[in-house]
């Protein structure tokens, strides 16, 4: 799982193994390749270094893969390099994963929230509006 995430984060940033190794400074591209293939596991210090170099939070490496994208098709320039195509695909995957995570959060909130019936609270002044807002916050546990 971590190996796949390391590779995806690198592709998301459009970096080669060599560029990432240079960015980190104290690791070879061969060692990074071993992390990506799952032949070796990075320690906690290395995970923090990878997160900083790849501009992701350390928890990114431990998230479960929630999406398996079907073949992605997009309009591209005829001379678009493969590496740039991979960046676009990883960006789409990352956005989709974050969207799905938000949808799951809001779905659980909507199940617990019981909105007041429409028109059940009459408001004729600012003070009544404030009172109604307080009542709703209390009912909805906000």
N, C-alpha and C. Protein backbone atom coordinates (compact mmCIF):
# COMPACT_ATOMS: atom_id res chain seq x y z
N UNK A 1 0.82 -1.18 0.00
CA UNK A 1 0.00 0.00 0.00
C UNK A 1 0.87 1.25 0.00
N UNK A 2 1.86 1.31 0.90
CA UNK A 2 2.73 2.48 0.96
C UNK A 2 3.51 2.62 -0.34
N UNK A 3 3.95 1.50 -0.89
CA UNK A 3 4.74 1.56 -2.12
C UNK A 3 3.94 2.19 -3.26
N UNK A 4 2.69 1.80 -3.39
CA UNK A 4 1.84 2.36 -4.42
C UNK A 4 1.62 3.85 -4.21
N UNK A 5 1.43 4.25 -2.96
CA UNK A 5 1.20 5.65 -2.64
C UNK A 5 2.44 6.50 -2.91
N UNK A 6 3.61 5.97 -2.64
CA UNK A 6 4.84 6.73 -2.91
C UNK A 6 4.94 7.00 -4.40
N UNK A 7 4.71 5.97 -5.20
CA UNK A 7 4.78 6.14 -6.65
C UNK A 7 3.73 7.12 -7.14
N UNK A 8 2.51 7.00 -6.63
CA UNK A 8 1.44 7.90 -7.07
C UNK A 8 1.72 9.35 -6.69
N UNK A 9 2.28 9.57 -5.50
CA UNK A 9 2.62 10.94 -5.09
C UNK A 9 3.71 11.52 -5.99
N UNK A 10 4.67 10.67 -6.34
CA UNK A 10 5.75 11.13 -7.23
C UNK A 10 5.19 11.48 -8.61
N UNK A 11 4.32 10.61 -9.13
CA UNK A 11 3.71 10.89 -10.44
C UNK A 11 2.82 12.12 -10.38
N UNK A 12 2.13 12.31 -9.26
CA UNK A 12 1.26 13.47 -9.09
C UNK A 12 2.06 14.76 -9.21
N UNK A 13 3.28 14.74 -8.72
CA UNK A 13 4.14 15.93 -8.80
C UNK A 13 4.94 15.99 -10.10
N UNK A 14 4.85 14.95 -10.91
CA UNK A 14 5.54 14.95 -12.20
C UNK A 14 7.04 14.78 -12.07
N UNK A 15 7.47 14.06 -11.04
CA UNK A 15 8.90 13.88 -10.81
C UNK A 15 9.35 12.50 -11.24
N UNK A 16 10.56 12.43 -11.74
CA UNK A 16 11.18 11.13 -12.01
C UNK A 16 11.82 10.66 -10.70
N UNK A 17 12.23 9.40 -10.68
CA UNK A 17 12.93 8.89 -9.49
C UNK A 17 14.19 9.69 -9.23
N UNK A 18 14.90 10.01 -10.29
CA UNK A 18 16.14 10.75 -10.15
C UNK A 18 15.89 12.16 -9.61
N UNK A 19 14.84 12.83 -10.12
CA UNK A 19 14.52 14.18 -9.66
C UNK A 19 14.12 14.16 -8.19
N UNK A 20 13.36 13.16 -7.78
CA UNK A 20 12.96 13.05 -6.37
C UNK A 20 14.18 12.78 -5.50
N UNK A 21 15.08 11.93 -5.96
CA UNK A 21 16.30 11.64 -5.20
C UNK A 21 17.13 12.90 -5.03
N UNK A 22 17.25 13.70 -6.07
CA UNK A 22 18.00 14.95 -5.99
C UNK A 22 17.32 15.93 -5.04
N UNK A 23 16.00 15.96 -5.10
CA UNK A 23 15.23 16.86 -4.23
C UNK A 23 15.44 16.50 -2.76
N UNK A 24 15.47 15.20 -2.48
CA UNK A 24 15.66 14.76 -1.09
C UNK A 24 17.12 14.85 -0.67
N UNK A 25 18.02 14.64 -1.60
CA UNK A 25 19.44 14.86 -1.34
C UNK A 25 20.23 13.71 -0.75
N UNK A 26 19.64 12.92 0.11
CA UNK A 26 20.43 11.89 0.81
C UNK A 26 19.94 10.47 0.52
N UNK A 27 19.41 10.26 -0.68
CA UNK A 27 18.92 8.94 -1.05
C UNK A 27 19.15 8.73 -2.54
N UNK A 28 19.34 7.49 -2.93
CA UNK A 28 19.56 7.20 -4.35
C UNK A 28 18.23 6.87 -5.02
N UNK A 29 18.22 6.96 -6.34
CA UNK A 29 17.00 6.61 -7.07
C UNK A 29 16.74 5.10 -6.96
N UNK A 30 17.78 4.32 -6.77
CA UNK A 30 17.61 2.88 -6.61
C UNK A 30 16.86 2.57 -5.31
N UNK A 31 17.19 3.29 -4.25
CA UNK A 31 16.51 3.09 -2.97
C UNK A 31 15.05 3.51 -3.09
N UNK A 32 14.80 4.61 -3.78
CA UNK A 32 13.42 5.04 -4.00
C UNK A 32 12.65 4.02 -4.82
N UNK A 33 13.31 3.45 -5.80
CA UNK A 33 12.68 2.41 -6.62
C UNK A 33 12.29 1.21 -5.77
N UNK A 34 13.14 0.84 -4.82
CA UNK A 34 12.82 -0.27 -3.92
C UNK A 34 11.59 0.04 -3.08
N UNK A 35 11.46 1.31 -2.63
CA UNK A 35 10.27 1.71 -1.88
C UNK A 35 9.02 1.57 -2.74
N UNK A 36 9.12 2.02 -3.99
CA UNK A 36 7.97 1.99 -4.89
C UNK A 36 7.57 0.56 -5.28
N UNK A 37 8.55 -0.32 -5.39
CA UNK A 37 8.26 -1.71 -5.75
C UNK A 37 7.81 -2.53 -4.55
N UNK A 38 8.00 -2.01 -3.34
CA UNK A 38 7.64 -2.75 -2.14
C UNK A 38 8.74 -3.67 -1.67
N UNK A 39 9.93 -3.56 -2.25
CA UNK A 39 11.05 -4.40 -1.83
C UNK A 39 11.65 -3.93 -0.50
N UNK A 40 11.41 -2.67 -0.16
CA UNK A 40 11.89 -2.11 1.11
C UNK A 40 10.82 -1.15 1.63
N UNK A 41 10.77 -1.01 2.94
CA UNK A 41 9.81 -0.08 3.56
C UNK A 41 10.56 1.10 4.15
N UNK A 42 10.08 2.30 3.88
CA UNK A 42 10.74 3.47 4.47
C UNK A 42 10.44 3.56 5.96
N UNK A 43 11.41 4.07 6.73
CA UNK A 43 11.16 4.29 8.15
C UNK A 43 10.41 5.60 8.33
N UNK A 44 10.06 5.93 9.55
CA UNK A 44 9.24 7.12 9.80
C UNK A 44 9.94 8.41 9.37
N UNK A 45 11.24 8.49 9.57
CA UNK A 45 11.99 9.67 9.16
C UNK A 45 11.94 9.83 7.64
N UNK A 46 12.10 8.72 6.93
CA UNK A 46 12.09 8.75 5.47
C UNK A 46 10.69 9.12 4.96
N UNK A 47 9.65 8.63 5.63
CA UNK A 47 8.28 8.97 5.22
C UNK A 47 8.06 10.47 5.36
N UNK A 48 8.55 11.05 6.44
CA UNK A 48 8.41 12.50 6.62
C UNK A 48 9.19 13.26 5.54
N UNK A 49 10.37 12.78 5.19
CA UNK A 49 11.15 13.41 4.12
C UNK A 49 10.42 13.30 2.78
N UNK A 50 9.86 12.12 2.50
CA UNK A 50 9.12 11.93 1.25
C UNK A 50 7.91 12.85 1.20
N UNK A 51 7.20 12.95 2.32
CA UNK A 51 6.01 13.80 2.37
C UNK A 51 6.39 15.25 2.08
N UNK A 52 7.48 15.71 2.67
CA UNK A 52 7.91 17.09 2.44
C UNK A 52 8.34 17.30 0.99
N UNK A 53 9.11 16.38 0.46
CA UNK A 53 9.61 16.51 -0.91
C UNK A 53 8.47 16.43 -1.94
N UNK A 54 7.46 15.63 -1.64
CA UNK A 54 6.35 15.43 -2.58
C UNK A 54 5.16 16.34 -2.29
N UNK A 55 5.30 17.17 -1.26
CA UNK A 55 4.27 18.15 -0.92
C UNK A 55 2.93 17.48 -0.61
N UNK A 56 2.98 16.41 0.18
CA UNK A 56 1.78 15.74 0.67
C UNK A 56 1.92 15.58 2.18
N UNK A 57 0.81 15.32 2.84
CA UNK A 57 0.86 15.05 4.27
C UNK A 57 1.29 13.59 4.47
N UNK A 58 1.98 13.30 5.55
CA UNK A 58 2.43 11.92 5.79
C UNK A 58 1.29 10.91 5.77
N UNK A 59 0.10 11.30 6.20
CA UNK A 59 -1.03 10.37 6.20
C UNK A 59 -1.42 9.93 4.80
N UNK A 60 -1.02 10.68 3.79
CA UNK A 60 -1.33 10.32 2.41
C UNK A 60 -0.83 8.91 2.09
N UNK A 61 0.32 8.56 2.62
CA UNK A 61 0.93 7.26 2.31
C UNK A 61 0.18 6.09 2.95
N UNK A 62 -0.65 6.38 3.95
CA UNK A 62 -1.34 5.31 4.67
C UNK A 62 -2.83 5.22 4.34
N UNK A 63 -3.32 6.13 3.51
CA UNK A 63 -4.73 6.08 3.10
C UNK A 63 -4.97 4.86 2.23
N UNK A 64 -6.12 4.26 2.40
CA UNK A 64 -6.49 3.14 1.55
C UNK A 64 -6.86 3.67 0.16
N UNK A 65 -6.57 2.90 -0.85
CA UNK A 65 -6.97 3.28 -2.20
C UNK A 65 -8.49 3.14 -2.30
N UNK A 66 -9.16 4.25 -2.55
CA UNK A 66 -10.62 4.21 -2.62
C UNK A 66 -11.12 4.21 -4.05
N UNK A 67 -10.23 4.45 -4.97
CA UNK A 67 -10.67 4.51 -6.35
C UNK A 67 -9.80 3.63 -7.23
N UNK A 68 -10.44 2.98 -8.13
CA UNK A 68 -9.73 2.27 -9.19
C UNK A 68 -10.29 2.85 -10.47
N UNK A 69 -9.49 3.68 -11.08
CA UNK A 69 -9.97 4.38 -12.27
C UNK A 69 -10.03 3.46 -13.47
N UNK A 70 -11.10 3.61 -14.20
CA UNK A 70 -11.17 2.97 -15.50
C UNK A 70 -10.17 3.71 -16.39
N UNK A 71 -9.85 3.17 -17.53
CA UNK A 71 -8.93 3.90 -18.40
C UNK A 71 -9.39 5.35 -18.60
N UNK A 72 -8.51 6.28 -18.30
CA UNK A 72 -8.84 7.69 -18.38
C UNK A 72 -8.57 8.19 -19.78
N UNK A 73 -9.56 8.83 -20.33
CA UNK A 73 -9.39 9.44 -21.63
C UNK A 73 -9.58 10.94 -21.48
N UNK A 74 -8.71 11.70 -22.06
CA UNK A 74 -8.82 13.15 -22.01
C UNK A 74 -8.21 13.73 -23.27
N UNK A 75 -8.63 14.92 -23.57
CA UNK A 75 -8.10 15.58 -24.75
C UNK A 75 -6.71 16.09 -24.42
N UNK A 76 -5.77 15.72 -25.23
CA UNK A 76 -4.39 16.11 -24.97
C UNK A 76 -3.73 16.55 -26.27
N UNK A 77 -2.66 17.26 -26.10
CA UNK A 77 -1.88 17.65 -27.27
C UNK A 77 -1.24 16.41 -27.87
N UNK A 78 -1.10 16.39 -29.17
CA UNK A 78 -0.55 15.20 -29.82
C UNK A 78 0.88 14.91 -29.37
N UNK A 79 1.58 15.91 -28.91
CA UNK A 79 2.97 15.71 -28.49
C UNK A 79 3.12 15.72 -26.97
N UNK A 80 2.03 15.45 -26.26
CA UNK A 80 2.09 15.46 -24.79
C UNK A 80 2.90 14.25 -24.31
N UNK A 81 3.98 14.48 -23.57
CA UNK A 81 4.80 13.36 -23.10
C UNK A 81 4.02 12.43 -22.17
N UNK A 82 4.42 11.18 -22.14
CA UNK A 82 3.77 10.17 -21.30
C UNK A 82 3.79 10.60 -19.83
N UNK A 83 4.91 11.19 -19.40
CA UNK A 83 5.01 11.61 -18.00
C UNK A 83 3.94 12.64 -17.67
N UNK A 84 3.70 13.58 -18.57
CA UNK A 84 2.66 14.59 -18.34
C UNK A 84 1.27 13.96 -18.34
N UNK A 85 1.07 12.93 -19.16
CA UNK A 85 -0.20 12.23 -19.17
C UNK A 85 -0.42 11.54 -17.82
N UNK A 86 0.63 10.96 -17.26
CA UNK A 86 0.52 10.30 -15.96
C UNK A 86 0.21 11.32 -14.86
N UNK A 87 0.78 12.52 -14.97
CA UNK A 87 0.48 13.58 -13.99
C UNK A 87 -1.00 13.91 -14.02
N UNK A 88 -1.56 14.08 -15.22
CA UNK A 88 -2.98 14.40 -15.35
C UNK A 88 -3.84 13.28 -14.75
N UNK A 89 -3.50 12.05 -15.02
CA UNK A 89 -4.26 10.91 -14.49
C UNK A 89 -4.19 10.87 -12.96
N UNK A 90 -3.01 11.08 -12.39
CA UNK A 90 -2.87 11.07 -10.93
C UNK A 90 -3.59 12.25 -10.30
N UNK A 91 -3.60 13.40 -10.95
CA UNK A 91 -4.34 14.54 -10.42
C UNK A 91 -5.83 14.23 -10.40
N UNK A 92 -6.33 13.61 -11.46
CA UNK A 92 -7.75 13.23 -11.52
C UNK A 92 -8.06 12.23 -10.41
N UNK A 93 -7.20 11.25 -10.21
CA UNK A 93 -7.41 10.25 -9.16
C UNK A 93 -7.41 10.90 -7.78
N UNK A 94 -6.47 11.81 -7.54
CA UNK A 94 -6.38 12.48 -6.25
C UNK A 94 -7.64 13.31 -5.98
N UNK A 95 -8.08 14.06 -6.98
CA UNK A 95 -9.30 14.87 -6.81
C UNK A 95 -10.51 13.97 -6.57
N UNK A 96 -10.60 12.88 -7.29
CA UNK A 96 -11.71 11.96 -7.12
C UNK A 96 -11.70 11.33 -5.72
N UNK A 97 -10.55 10.93 -5.24
CA UNK A 97 -10.45 10.36 -3.89
C UNK A 97 -10.90 11.36 -2.83
N UNK A 98 -10.45 12.61 -2.96
CA UNK A 98 -10.84 13.63 -1.98
C UNK A 98 -12.33 13.94 -2.07
N UNK A 99 -12.87 13.94 -3.28
CA UNK A 99 -14.31 14.17 -3.46
C UNK A 99 -15.12 13.05 -2.81
N UNK A 100 -14.72 11.81 -3.03
CA UNK A 100 -15.43 10.67 -2.44
C UNK A 100 -15.36 10.73 -0.90
N UNK A 101 -14.20 11.10 -0.37
CA UNK A 101 -14.06 11.21 1.08
C UNK A 101 -15.00 12.27 1.64
N UNK A 102 -15.10 13.41 0.96
CA UNK A 102 -16.02 14.46 1.41
C UNK A 102 -17.47 14.01 1.31
N UNK A 103 -17.80 13.33 0.24
CA UNK A 103 -19.17 12.82 0.08
C UNK A 103 -19.52 11.87 1.22
N UNK A 104 -18.59 11.03 1.63
CA UNK A 104 -18.84 10.10 2.73
C UNK A 104 -19.05 10.84 4.04
N UNK A 105 -18.27 11.90 4.25
CA UNK A 105 -18.44 12.69 5.46
C UNK A 105 -19.81 13.37 5.48
N UNK A 106 -20.17 14.01 4.38
CA UNK A 106 -21.44 14.72 4.33
C UNK A 106 -22.63 13.76 4.35
N UNK A 107 -22.47 12.57 3.83
CA UNK A 107 -23.56 11.59 3.86
C UNK A 107 -23.85 11.19 5.31
N UNK A 108 -22.80 11.02 6.12
CA UNK A 108 -23.03 10.65 7.51
C UNK A 108 -23.63 11.81 8.29
N UNK A 109 -23.25 13.03 7.95
CA UNK A 109 -23.83 14.20 8.62
C UNK A 109 -25.30 14.33 8.27
N UNK A 110 -25.65 14.12 7.01
CA UNK A 110 -27.03 14.25 6.58
C UNK A 110 -27.92 13.20 7.23
N UNK A 111 -27.39 12.02 7.49
CA UNK A 111 -28.18 10.98 8.15
C UNK A 111 -28.52 11.38 9.58
N UNK A 112 -27.58 12.07 10.24
CA UNK A 112 -27.78 12.44 11.64
C UNK A 112 -28.57 13.73 11.79
N UNK A 113 -28.51 14.59 10.81
CA UNK A 113 -29.18 15.88 10.91
C UNK A 113 -30.67 15.74 10.61
N UNK A 114 -31.46 16.40 11.41
CA UNK A 114 -32.91 16.40 11.20
C UNK A 114 -33.33 17.85 11.03
N UNK A 115 -33.37 18.34 9.81
CA UNK A 115 -33.71 19.75 9.61
C UNK A 115 -35.15 20.03 10.03
N UNK A 116 -35.35 21.24 10.46
CA UNK A 116 -36.70 21.66 10.83
C UNK A 116 -37.58 21.66 9.59
N UNK A 117 -38.83 21.38 9.80
CA UNK A 117 -39.76 21.38 8.66
C UNK A 117 -39.86 22.79 8.09
N UNK A 118 -40.02 22.86 6.79
CA UNK A 118 -40.11 24.17 6.13
C UNK A 118 -41.30 24.94 6.69
N UNK A 119 -41.05 26.18 7.02
CA UNK A 119 -42.12 27.04 7.52
C UNK A 119 -42.49 26.80 8.96
N UNK A 120 -41.74 25.96 9.68
CA UNK A 120 -42.11 25.68 11.07
C UNK A 120 -41.65 26.78 12.02
N UNK A 121 -40.73 27.62 11.58
CA UNK A 121 -40.25 28.71 12.43
C UNK A 121 -40.59 30.03 11.74
N UNK A 122 -41.43 30.80 12.38
CA UNK A 122 -41.81 32.11 11.83
C UNK A 122 -40.83 33.16 12.33
N UNK A 123 -40.40 33.99 11.42
CA UNK A 123 -39.44 35.04 11.76
C UNK A 123 -39.97 36.36 11.22
N UNK A 124 -40.13 37.32 12.14
CA UNK A 124 -40.63 38.65 11.74
C UNK A 124 -39.67 39.77 12.09
N UNK A 125 -38.63 39.45 12.84
CA UNK A 125 -37.68 40.50 13.21
C UNK A 125 -36.28 39.88 13.32
N UNK A 126 -35.33 40.77 13.52
CA UNK A 126 -33.95 40.30 13.64
C UNK A 126 -33.78 39.46 14.90
N UNK A 127 -34.40 39.88 15.98
CA UNK A 127 -34.29 39.12 17.23
C UNK A 127 -34.89 37.72 17.07
N UNK A 128 -36.01 37.62 16.37
CA UNK A 128 -36.63 36.31 16.13
C UNK A 128 -35.73 35.45 15.24
N UNK A 129 -35.04 36.07 14.29
CA UNK A 129 -34.12 35.34 13.42
C UNK A 129 -32.96 34.78 14.24
N UNK A 130 -32.43 35.59 15.15
CA UNK A 130 -31.35 35.13 16.02
C UNK A 130 -31.82 33.98 16.91
N UNK A 131 -33.03 34.10 17.44
CA UNK A 131 -33.57 33.04 18.29
C UNK A 131 -33.78 31.76 17.49
N UNK A 132 -34.28 31.90 16.26
CA UNK A 132 -34.49 30.74 15.40
C UNK A 132 -33.16 30.07 15.06
N UNK A 133 -32.13 30.87 14.79
CA UNK A 133 -30.81 30.33 14.48
C UNK A 133 -30.25 29.58 15.68
N UNK A 134 -30.42 30.13 16.88
CA UNK A 134 -29.95 29.45 18.09
C UNK A 134 -30.70 28.13 18.29
N UNK A 135 -32.00 28.16 18.05
CA UNK A 135 -32.80 26.95 18.20
C UNK A 135 -32.32 25.86 17.23
N UNK A 136 -32.07 26.24 15.98
CA UNK A 136 -31.62 25.28 14.99
C UNK A 136 -30.24 24.72 15.32
N UNK A 137 -29.34 25.61 15.78
CA UNK A 137 -27.99 25.14 16.16
C UNK A 137 -28.10 24.11 17.28
N UNK A 138 -28.98 24.37 18.22
CA UNK A 138 -29.15 23.44 19.34
C UNK A 138 -29.73 22.12 18.85
N UNK A 139 -30.76 22.16 18.01
CA UNK A 139 -31.39 20.93 17.49
C UNK A 139 -30.43 20.13 16.62
N UNK A 140 -29.62 20.81 15.84
CA UNK A 140 -28.73 20.13 14.90
C UNK A 140 -27.36 19.85 15.53
N UNK A 141 -27.19 20.20 16.78
CA UNK A 141 -25.92 19.97 17.50
C UNK A 141 -24.74 20.64 16.79
N UNK A 142 -24.93 21.86 16.40
CA UNK A 142 -23.84 22.60 15.73
C UNK A 142 -23.09 23.46 16.72
